[in-house]
Amino acid sequence: MPTLGTSDYFNSCSNQTDPSFGNYLFSVPENYVGHQFARTGQAYAGLLFAQDSIGSQTNAEYIQVKLKSKLEAGKYYNLQFFINLSQLSGGTPICTNSIGALFTANELNYNNYDIIPILPQYQSNLNDFFCDSSRWFEQNHTFRAVGNEEFLTIGVFTPLPLIEATDYSGNLLSGVSAYYFIDDVSLTEVDYLSYIGEEIPNMFTPNSDGKNDFFTFDNSKVQAKQITILNRWGN
């Protein structure tokens, strides 16, 4: 928890209850936030983002995790995770338009409930609203590592004036109080050429027979500054 917000972990094996609530608190699919099956498996995480009707922030929760190893400078990585917009019990069904993911070299620790003031590597499209409560929305982003990033933080990083909420009919609401379930987070190293969608030939035969005589590729994508061509003997 990188802020004072208290994000949650839900698992089907949890049997903790609250008599006043009359239901399981942190189980799957039933919990204090509502009813939602995991996308896969039996568990997911959850976080709350809330602000009042005049745009003053009230509560921002995040999920922060240490990676198995530090990211390597210059390499490309694909981040994928899925979110489901739940609804706090008794609230008005709403849709929000923001979720992000931040990679940092150091663990974050803010002694407040505010939005973390760092631009994340991934920000969802603010024109898209997560309105289908039965659906897990895929978030997918490929980026180039600066190097030594060791912590991943998921939550809302968007400045308050840009965050919007609607009801299920598309009418804008004056405040945001949204709970996000997070599941199936993965980070995978990817090949650079696959990332830019360009294929570079690994051989050519400049013998004027009309077959593979020329070595070409789109340098506007690759942006190579130097090329070394070797024959089969390494010369």
Protein backbone atom coordinates (compact mmCIF):
# COMPACT_ATOMS: atom_id res chain seq x y z
CA MET A 1 0.00 0.00 0.00
CA PRO A 2 1.97 3.04 -1.23
CA THR A 3 -0.52 5.53 0.30
CA LEU A 4 -2.73 5.53 3.38
CA GLY A 5 -5.48 3.93 1.29
CA THR A 6 -6.27 0.34 2.29
CA SER A 7 -6.54 -1.79 -0.84
CA ASP A 8 -7.91 -5.33 -0.44
CA TYR A 9 -7.19 -8.96 -1.27
CA PHE A 10 -10.11 -11.32 -1.97
CA ASN A 11 -9.97 -15.13 -1.99
CA SER A 12 -12.66 -17.80 -2.12
CA CYS A 13 -11.16 -19.46 0.97
CA SER A 14 -11.91 -16.41 3.13
CA ASN A 15 -14.80 -16.93 5.57
CA GLN A 16 -14.58 -13.65 7.49
CA THR A 17 -18.01 -12.11 7.97
CA ASP A 18 -19.54 -8.99 9.47
CA PRO A 19 -22.93 -9.48 11.21
CA SER A 20 -24.02 -5.97 10.31
CA PHE A 21 -23.19 -6.60 6.66
CA GLY A 22 -24.69 -10.09 6.53
CA ASN A 23 -22.23 -11.46 4.00
CA TYR A 24 -18.62 -12.49 3.50
CA LEU A 25 -16.20 -9.57 3.56
CA PHE A 26 -13.27 -10.76 1.43
CA SER A 27 -14.46 -13.91 -0.28
CA VAL A 28 -14.97 -14.67 -3.99
CA PRO A 29 -17.47 -14.24 -5.58
CA GLU A 30 -19.40 -12.74 -2.63
CA ASN A 31 -17.73 -9.90 -0.71
CA TYR A 32 -18.42 -6.54 0.87
CA VAL A 33 -18.06 -4.78 -2.48
CA GLY A 34 -20.56 -6.93 -4.35
CA HIS A 35 -20.59 -10.13 -6.39
CA GLN A 36 -17.84 -10.95 -8.88
CA PHE A 37 -16.18 -14.19 -9.96
CA ALA A 38 -12.43 -14.10 -10.56
CA ARG A 39 -11.40 -13.87 -14.18
CA THR A 40 -9.26 -16.96 -13.58
CA GLY A 41 -8.56 -18.86 -10.40
CA GLN A 42 -10.15 -18.03 -7.07
CA ALA A 43 -8.76 -14.63 -6.08
CA TYR A 44 -8.22 -10.99 -7.08
CA ALA A 45 -7.19 -7.68 -5.58
CA GLY A 46 -9.28 -4.55 -5.21
CA LEU A 47 -8.87 -0.81 -4.76
CA LEU A 48 -11.10 2.20 -4.23
CA PHE A 49 -10.93 5.63 -5.81
CA ALA A 50 -13.26 8.36 -4.57
CA GLN A 51 -13.65 12.12 -4.85
CA ASP A 52 -16.48 14.43 -3.84
CA SER A 53 -18.80 16.35 -6.12
CA ILE A 54 -16.59 19.45 -6.24
CA GLY A 55 -13.50 17.51 -7.29
CA SER A 56 -11.62 17.44 -4.00
CA GLN A 57 -9.93 14.11 -3.58
CA THR A 58 -11.15 11.96 -0.71
CA ASN A 59 -9.46 8.59 -1.10
CA ALA A 60 -7.04 6.94 -3.55
CA GLU A 61 -5.96 3.33 -3.07
CA TYR A 62 -3.23 1.50 -4.97
CA ILE A 63 -1.75 -1.95 -5.30
CA GLN A 64 2.04 -2.07 -5.18
CA VAL A 65 4.16 -5.18 -5.76
CA LYS A 66 7.87 -5.89 -6.00
CA LEU A 67 8.94 -7.54 -9.26
CA LYS A 68 10.86 -10.82 -9.27
CA SER A 69 13.80 -9.01 -10.89
CA LYS A 70 14.70 -5.50 -11.98
CA LEU A 71 13.90 -4.42 -15.52
CA GLU A 72 16.86 -4.04 -17.87
CA ALA A 73 17.57 -0.74 -19.57
CA GLY A 74 16.62 -0.60 -23.24
CA LYS A 75 14.58 -3.80 -23.21
CA TYR A 76 10.89 -3.87 -24.07
CA TYR A 77 8.22 -5.31 -21.79
CA ASN A 78 4.53 -6.00 -22.19
CA LEU A 79 2.25 -5.36 -19.23
CA GLN A 80 -1.19 -6.96 -19.17
CA PHE A 81 -3.87 -6.90 -16.48
CA PHE A 82 -7.64 -7.00 -16.26
CA ILE A 83 -10.03 -4.78 -14.33
CA ASN A 84 -13.67 -5.05 -13.38
CA LEU A 85 -15.56 -2.03 -12.13
CA SER A 86 -17.58 -3.15 -9.13
CA GLN A 87 -20.13 -1.15 -7.20
CA LEU A 88 -20.08 -0.48 -3.48
CA SER A 89 -23.19 -1.82 -1.78
CA GLY A 90 -26.06 0.66 -1.92
CA GLY A 91 -24.36 3.02 -4.37
CA THR A 92 -25.53 4.30 -7.74
CA PRO A 93 -24.11 2.27 -10.65
CA ILE A 94 -21.37 4.34 -12.30
CA CYS A 95 -18.65 4.03 -14.92
CA THR A 96 -15.24 5.67 -14.67
CA ASN A 97 -12.58 6.34 -17.28
CA SER A 98 -9.15 5.94 -15.70
CA ILE A 99 -6.71 3.27 -14.56
CA GLY A 100 -2.92 3.34 -14.82
CA ALA A 101 0.26 1.43 -14.05
CA LEU A 102 3.55 2.84 -12.80
CA PHE A 103 7.00 1.22 -12.70
CA THR A 104 9.56 2.68 -10.29
CA ALA A 105 13.03 1.77 -9.07
CA ASN A 106 12.08 2.37 -5.44
CA GLU A 107 9.14 1.45 -3.27
CA LEU A 108 6.61 4.29 -2.96
CA ASN A 109 5.45 5.53 0.43
CA TYR A 110 3.13 8.55 0.66
CA ASN A 111 1.62 9.57 3.99
CA ASN A 112 -1.68 10.73 2.50
CA TYR A 113 -4.72 9.65 0.47
CA ASP A 114 -3.87 11.75 -2.57
CA ILE A 115 -3.29 10.75 -6.18
CA ILE A 116 0.34 9.68 -6.59
CA PRO A 117 1.95 12.65 -8.41
CA ILE A 118 3.98 10.63 -10.94
CA LEU A 119 3.24 10.13 -14.63
CA PRO A 120 2.74 6.37 -15.15
CA GLN A 121 4.13 4.35 -18.04
CA TYR A 122 0.58 3.19 -18.80
CA GLN A 123 -2.62 5.24 -18.74
CA SER A 124 -5.95 3.94 -20.03
CA ASN A 125 -7.76 5.90 -22.75
CA LEU A 126 -9.81 8.57 -20.97
CA ASN A 127 -12.43 8.32 -23.72
CA ASP A 128 -13.22 4.75 -22.68
CA PHE A 129 -15.52 4.06 -19.72
CA PHE A 130 -15.64 0.73 -17.91
CA CYS A 131 -19.42 0.29 -17.88
CA ASP A 132 -20.01 -3.46 -18.18
CA SER A 133 -19.87 -4.83 -14.63
CA SER A 134 -19.98 -8.41 -15.93
CA ARG A 135 -16.87 -7.95 -18.04
CA TRP A 136 -13.15 -7.96 -17.25
CA PHE A 137 -11.57 -5.15 -19.28
CA GLU A 138 -8.10 -5.95 -20.64
CA GLN A 139 -5.34 -3.36 -20.14
CA ASN A 140 -2.31 -3.92 -22.35
CA HIS A 141 0.81 -1.82 -22.84
CA THR A 142 4.32 -2.34 -24.23
CA PHE A 143 7.07 0.02 -23.12
CA ARG A 144 10.87 0.47 -23.09
CA ALA A 145 12.48 0.17 -19.67
CA VAL A 146 14.74 2.92 -18.39
CA GLY A 147 16.46 0.35 -16.21
CA ASN A 148 16.34 -0.83 -12.57
CA GLU A 149 12.54 -0.54 -12.28
CA GLU A 150 11.65 -2.96 -9.49
CA PHE A 151 8.14 -2.00 -8.30
CA LEU A 152 4.79 -2.00 -10.09
CA THR A 153 1.93 0.16 -8.80
CA ILE A 154 -1.62 -0.02 -10.21
CA GLY A 155 -4.27 2.62 -9.53
CA VAL A 156 -5.59 6.00 -10.64
CA PHE A 157 -2.92 8.56 -11.58
CA THR A 158 -5.07 10.93 -13.62
CA PRO A 159 -5.35 14.55 -12.36
CA LEU A 160 -8.78 15.24 -10.90
CA PRO A 161 -10.05 17.61 -13.64
CA LEU A 162 -9.64 14.81 -16.23
CA ILE A 163 -11.40 12.06 -14.31
CA GLU A 164 -15.02 11.61 -15.26
CA ALA A 165 -17.85 9.32 -14.22
CA THR A 166 -21.13 8.48 -15.88
CA ASP A 167 -24.17 6.43 -15.04
CA TYR A 168 -24.96 3.42 -17.21
CA SER A 169 -26.96 5.67 -19.55
CA GLY A 170 -23.93 7.86 -20.27
CA ASN A 171 -24.96 10.85 -18.17
CA LEU A 172 -22.00 12.61 -16.51
CA LEU A 173 -21.95 12.51 -12.72
CA SER A 174 -20.50 15.15 -10.42
CA GLY A 175 -18.38 12.85 -8.26
CA VAL A 176 -16.50 9.56 -8.51
CA SER A 177 -16.70 6.65 -6.11
CA ALA A 178 -15.46 3.56 -7.89
CA TYR A 179 -14.11 0.20 -6.79
CA TYR A 180 -11.84 -1.72 -9.17
CA PHE A 181 -11.17 -5.46 -9.03
CA ILE A 182 -7.73 -6.34 -10.48
CA ASP A 183 -6.85 -9.81 -11.80
CA ASP A 184 -4.32 -11.67 -13.97
CA VAL A 185 -1.42 -9.22 -13.91
CA SER A 186 1.54 -10.26 -16.06
CA LEU A 187 4.77 -8.68 -17.28
CA THR A 188 6.67 -10.25 -20.17
CA GLU A 189 9.84 -9.26 -22.01
CA VAL A 190 9.14 -8.85 -25.73
CA ASP A 191 11.29 -8.70 -28.84
CA TYR A 192 11.79 -5.16 -30.13
CA LEU A 193 11.09 -6.00 -33.77
CA SER A 194 7.87 -7.76 -32.79
CA TYR A 195 6.91 -4.67 -30.83
CA ILE A 196 7.34 -2.28 -33.77
CA GLY A 197 5.86 -4.75 -36.26
CA GLU A 198 8.86 -4.85 -38.58
CA GLU A 199 10.76 -7.82 -40.00
CA ILE A 200 14.44 -7.49 -40.86
CA PRO A 201 15.86 -10.15 -43.24
CA ASN A 202 18.59 -12.28 -41.67
CA MET A 203 20.23 -12.99 -45.05
CA PHE A 204 20.49 -11.75 -48.64
CA THR A 205 22.36 -12.89 -51.75
CA PRO A 206 23.62 -9.95 -53.86
CA ASN A 207 24.56 -12.05 -56.90
CA SER A 208 22.22 -10.36 -59.42
CA ASP A 209 20.07 -13.46 -59.94
CA GLY A 210 16.92 -11.51 -59.13
CA LYS A 211 16.36 -13.37 -55.83
CA ASN A 212 17.03 -11.66 -52.49
CA ASP A 213 19.56 -9.34 -54.12
CA PHE A 214 18.78 -6.40 -51.85
CA PHE A 215 18.76 -5.95 -48.09
CA THR A 216 15.91 -3.59 -47.11
CA PHE A 217 13.76 -2.66 -44.14
CA ASP A 218 11.76 0.33 -42.91
CA ASN A 219 14.24 2.45 -40.94
CA SER A 220 11.50 4.92 -39.95
CA LYS A 221 10.37 2.16 -37.58
CA VAL A 222 13.69 0.59 -36.62
CA GLN A 223 15.67 3.84 -36.46
CA ALA A 224 19.01 2.08 -36.72
CA LYS A 225 22.10 4.31 -36.52
CA GLN A 226 24.60 1.67 -37.61
CA ILE A 227 24.39 -1.63 -39.49
CA THR A 228 27.03 -4.35 -39.69
CA ILE A 229 26.72 -6.99 -42.44
CA LEU A 230 28.68 -10.24 -42.11
CA ASN A 231 29.21 -13.10 -44.52
CA ARG A 232 28.74 -16.72 -43.53
CA TRP A 233 32.29 -16.83 -42.17
CA GLY A 234 31.76 -13.81 -39.92
CA ASN A 235 33.72 -11.37 -42.06
